[in-house]
Amino acid sequence: MTEQTQQPDPLANEILTFNLTVEQTNHALQIFGNAPYVASAPLIALFKEQGEPQFKALLEKVNNESQTTTKTSGNPS
């Protein structure tokens, strides 16, 4: 009887890029939140690490657009 050794997956450490809306990301995080902590914590940490800078940039963009709209709307301040 010969023992078979399992070869490592050559794609295991390759990076994938997903483009999700904020709503889709929140939905995925809710699903992860319902999973056992040991299984979901590393994925939640990755979402936070990669998503937080993008979310801050989106907030800044929305705030800047809001301020520009307020200034150009003719409303006296």
N, C-alpha and C. Protein backbone atom coordinates (compact mmCIF):
# COMPACT_ATOMS: atom_id res chain seq x y z
N MET A 1 0.85 -1.16 0.00
CA MET A 1 0.00 0.00 0.00
C MET A 1 0.91 1.24 0.00
N THR A 2 0.66 2.15 -0.92
CA THR A 2 1.48 3.37 -0.98
C THR A 2 0.70 4.52 -0.37
N GLU A 3 1.44 5.36 0.29
CA GLU A 3 0.82 6.52 0.94
C GLU A 3 0.85 7.70 -0.03
N GLN A 4 -0.30 8.32 -0.23
CA GLN A 4 -0.36 9.48 -1.11
C GLN A 4 -0.22 10.75 -0.30
N THR A 5 0.63 11.63 -0.77
CA THR A 5 0.78 12.92 -0.09
C THR A 5 0.01 13.96 -0.89
N GLN A 6 -0.63 14.81 -0.17
CA GLN A 6 -1.44 15.85 -0.80
C GLN A 6 -0.54 17.01 -1.19
N GLN A 7 -0.62 17.41 -2.44
CA GLN A 7 0.15 18.54 -2.94
C GLN A 7 -0.54 19.83 -2.53
N PRO A 8 0.24 20.86 -2.16
CA PRO A 8 -0.38 22.14 -1.82
C PRO A 8 -1.06 22.76 -3.04
N ASP A 9 -2.13 23.45 -2.81
CA ASP A 9 -2.87 24.11 -3.87
C ASP A 9 -2.04 25.28 -4.40
N PRO A 10 -1.65 25.26 -5.67
CA PRO A 10 -0.81 26.34 -6.19
C PRO A 10 -1.52 27.69 -6.24
N LEU A 11 -2.82 27.69 -6.14
CA LEU A 11 -3.59 28.95 -6.17
C LEU A 11 -3.94 29.47 -4.79
N ALA A 12 -3.61 28.73 -3.76
CA ALA A 12 -4.06 29.05 -2.40
C ALA A 12 -3.69 30.46 -1.95
N ASN A 13 -2.54 30.95 -2.34
CA ASN A 13 -2.09 32.27 -1.87
C ASN A 13 -2.23 33.37 -2.90
N GLU A 14 -2.92 33.10 -3.98
CA GLU A 14 -3.15 34.13 -5.00
C GLU A 14 -4.25 35.07 -4.52
N ILE A 15 -4.13 36.35 -4.86
CA ILE A 15 -5.09 37.37 -4.42
C ILE A 15 -6.22 37.50 -5.43
N LEU A 16 -7.44 37.53 -4.94
CA LEU A 16 -8.62 37.80 -5.75
C LEU A 16 -9.14 39.19 -5.40
N THR A 17 -9.72 39.86 -6.36
CA THR A 17 -10.29 41.18 -6.12
C THR A 17 -11.79 41.10 -6.37
N PHE A 18 -12.56 41.56 -5.40
CA PHE A 18 -14.01 41.59 -5.53
C PHE A 18 -14.46 43.05 -5.49
N ASN A 19 -15.41 43.38 -6.30
CA ASN A 19 -16.01 44.72 -6.28
C ASN A 19 -17.41 44.59 -5.73
N LEU A 20 -17.60 45.00 -4.48
CA LEU A 20 -18.88 44.90 -3.81
C LEU A 20 -19.38 46.29 -3.44
N THR A 21 -20.68 46.47 -3.46
CA THR A 21 -21.25 47.71 -2.96
C THR A 21 -21.17 47.71 -1.44
N VAL A 22 -21.38 48.85 -0.84
CA VAL A 22 -21.40 48.93 0.62
C VAL A 22 -22.49 48.01 1.16
N GLU A 23 -23.63 48.00 0.51
CA GLU A 23 -24.73 47.14 0.95
C GLU A 23 -24.34 45.66 0.87
N GLN A 24 -23.70 45.25 -0.21
CA GLN A 24 -23.28 43.86 -0.35
C GLN A 24 -22.23 43.49 0.70
N THR A 25 -21.32 44.42 0.96
CA THR A 25 -20.29 44.19 1.98
C THR A 25 -20.92 44.02 3.35
N ASN A 26 -21.87 44.89 3.68
CA ASN A 26 -22.55 44.77 4.97
C ASN A 26 -23.29 43.45 5.09
N HIS A 27 -23.89 43.01 3.99
CA HIS A 27 -24.60 41.73 3.99
C HIS A 27 -23.62 40.58 4.26
N ALA A 28 -22.48 40.59 3.58
CA ALA A 28 -21.47 39.54 3.80
C ALA A 28 -20.99 39.55 5.25
N LEU A 29 -20.78 40.75 5.81
CA LEU A 29 -20.33 40.83 7.20
C LEU A 29 -21.39 40.31 8.17
N GLN A 30 -22.67 40.53 7.84
CA GLN A 30 -23.75 39.97 8.68
C GLN A 30 -23.71 38.45 8.65
N ILE A 31 -23.46 37.89 7.48
CA ILE A 31 -23.37 36.44 7.36
C ILE A 31 -22.18 35.92 8.16
N PHE A 32 -21.02 36.60 8.02
CA PHE A 32 -19.84 36.20 8.79
C PHE A 32 -20.11 36.30 10.29
N GLY A 33 -20.88 37.30 10.68
CA GLY A 33 -21.19 37.50 12.09
C GLY A 33 -22.02 36.37 12.67
N ASN A 34 -22.76 35.67 11.83
CA ASN A 34 -23.56 34.54 12.28
C ASN A 34 -22.78 33.23 12.31
N ALA A 35 -21.59 33.25 11.74
CA ALA A 35 -20.74 32.05 11.71
C ALA A 35 -19.96 31.96 13.03
N PRO A 36 -19.45 30.80 13.34
CA PRO A 36 -18.62 30.68 14.55
C PRO A 36 -17.44 31.66 14.50
N TYR A 37 -17.14 32.26 15.64
CA TYR A 37 -16.10 33.30 15.72
C TYR A 37 -14.77 32.82 15.15
N VAL A 38 -14.37 31.62 15.49
CA VAL A 38 -13.08 31.10 15.05
C VAL A 38 -12.99 31.07 13.52
N ALA A 39 -14.08 30.79 12.87
CA ALA A 39 -14.09 30.71 11.41
C ALA A 39 -14.22 32.09 10.76
N SER A 40 -14.96 32.99 11.38
CA SER A 40 -15.27 34.26 10.72
C SER A 40 -14.35 35.41 11.08
N ALA A 41 -13.73 35.38 12.24
CA ALA A 41 -12.92 36.52 12.69
C ALA A 41 -11.81 36.91 11.70
N PRO A 42 -11.06 35.96 11.15
CA PRO A 42 -10.02 36.37 10.19
C PRO A 42 -10.59 37.04 8.94
N LEU A 43 -11.73 36.56 8.46
CA LEU A 43 -12.35 37.18 7.28
C LEU A 43 -12.89 38.57 7.59
N ILE A 44 -13.49 38.73 8.75
CA ILE A 44 -13.99 40.04 9.16
C ILE A 44 -12.83 41.03 9.27
N ALA A 45 -11.71 40.57 9.81
CA ALA A 45 -10.53 41.43 9.94
C ALA A 45 -10.02 41.86 8.56
N LEU A 46 -10.04 40.96 7.59
CA LEU A 46 -9.61 41.31 6.24
C LEU A 46 -10.55 42.32 5.60
N PHE A 47 -11.85 42.12 5.78
CA PHE A 47 -12.83 43.07 5.25
C PHE A 47 -12.58 44.46 5.85
N LYS A 48 -12.35 44.50 7.15
CA LYS A 48 -12.12 45.78 7.82
C LYS A 48 -10.83 46.43 7.31
N GLU A 49 -9.78 45.65 7.25
CA GLU A 49 -8.47 46.18 6.82
C GLU A 49 -8.54 46.75 5.40
N GLN A 50 -9.21 46.04 4.51
CA GLN A 50 -9.25 46.46 3.12
C GLN A 50 -10.37 47.46 2.84
N GLY A 51 -11.45 47.37 3.60
CA GLY A 51 -12.61 48.20 3.32
C GLY A 51 -12.62 49.55 4.01
N GLU A 52 -12.00 49.63 5.18
CA GLU A 52 -12.06 50.87 5.96
C GLU A 52 -11.50 52.08 5.21
N PRO A 53 -10.32 51.99 4.59
CA PRO A 53 -9.81 53.16 3.85
C PRO A 53 -10.72 53.56 2.69
N GLN A 54 -11.31 52.57 2.03
CA GLN A 54 -12.21 52.86 0.92
C GLN A 54 -13.48 53.55 1.42
N PHE A 55 -13.99 53.06 2.55
CA PHE A 55 -15.21 53.64 3.10
C PHE A 55 -14.98 55.08 3.56
N LYS A 56 -13.82 55.33 4.19
CA LYS A 56 -13.49 56.70 4.62
C LYS A 56 -13.40 57.63 3.41
N ALA A 57 -12.81 57.15 2.32
CA ALA A 57 -12.71 57.96 1.10
C ALA A 57 -14.10 58.25 0.53
N LEU A 58 -14.99 57.27 0.56
CA LEU A 58 -16.36 57.49 0.09
C LEU A 58 -17.09 58.52 0.94
N LEU A 59 -16.92 58.43 2.27
CA LEU A 59 -17.55 59.40 3.16
C LEU A 59 -17.05 60.82 2.87
N GLU A 60 -15.75 60.94 2.66
CA GLU A 60 -15.17 62.25 2.37
C GLU A 60 -15.71 62.79 1.05
N LYS A 61 -15.82 61.93 0.05
CA LYS A 61 -16.36 62.33 -1.25
C LYS A 61 -17.80 62.82 -1.11
N VAL A 62 -18.62 62.06 -0.39
CA VAL A 62 -20.02 62.43 -0.20
C VAL A 62 -20.12 63.75 0.57
N ASN A 63 -19.31 63.91 1.60
CA ASN A 63 -19.33 65.15 2.38
C ASN A 63 -18.90 66.34 1.54
N ASN A 64 -17.87 66.17 0.71
CA ASN A 64 -17.42 67.26 -0.16
C ASN A 64 -18.48 67.63 -1.18
N GLU A 65 -19.14 66.63 -1.75
CA GLU A 65 -20.21 66.90 -2.72
C GLU A 65 -21.37 67.61 -2.04
N SER A 66 -21.67 67.23 -0.81
CA SER A 66 -22.76 67.85 -0.07
C SER A 66 -22.44 69.32 0.21
N GLN A 67 -21.20 69.61 0.59
CA GLN A 67 -20.80 70.98 0.86
C GLN A 67 -20.83 71.82 -0.41
N THR A 68 -20.40 71.26 -1.52
CA THR A 68 -20.41 71.97 -2.80
C THR A 68 -21.85 72.28 -3.20
N THR A 69 -22.75 71.33 -3.03
CA THR A 69 -24.16 71.53 -3.36
C THR A 69 -24.76 72.62 -2.50
N THR A 70 -24.43 72.64 -1.22
CA THR A 70 -24.96 73.66 -0.31
C THR A 70 -24.45 75.04 -0.70
N LYS A 71 -23.17 75.15 -1.06
CA LYS A 71 -22.59 76.44 -1.43
C LYS A 71 -23.17 76.96 -2.74
N THR A 72 -23.48 76.09 -3.68
CA THR A 72 -23.96 76.52 -4.99
C THR A 72 -25.47 76.60 -5.07
N SER A 73 -26.17 76.23 -4.03
CA SER A 73 -27.64 76.24 -4.08
C SER A 73 -28.23 77.62 -3.85
N GLY A 74 -27.39 78.57 -3.44
CA GLY A 74 -27.88 79.92 -3.21
C GLY A 74 -28.49 80.14 -1.87
N ASN A 75 -28.40 79.17 -0.98
CA ASN A 75 -28.94 79.35 0.36
C ASN A 75 -27.99 80.22 1.18
N PRO A 76 -28.48 81.31 1.77
CA PRO A 76 -27.60 82.11 2.61
C PRO A 76 -27.27 81.37 3.89
N SER A 77 -26.02 81.51 4.32
CA SER A 77 -25.60 80.83 5.55
C SER A 77 -25.31 81.84 6.62
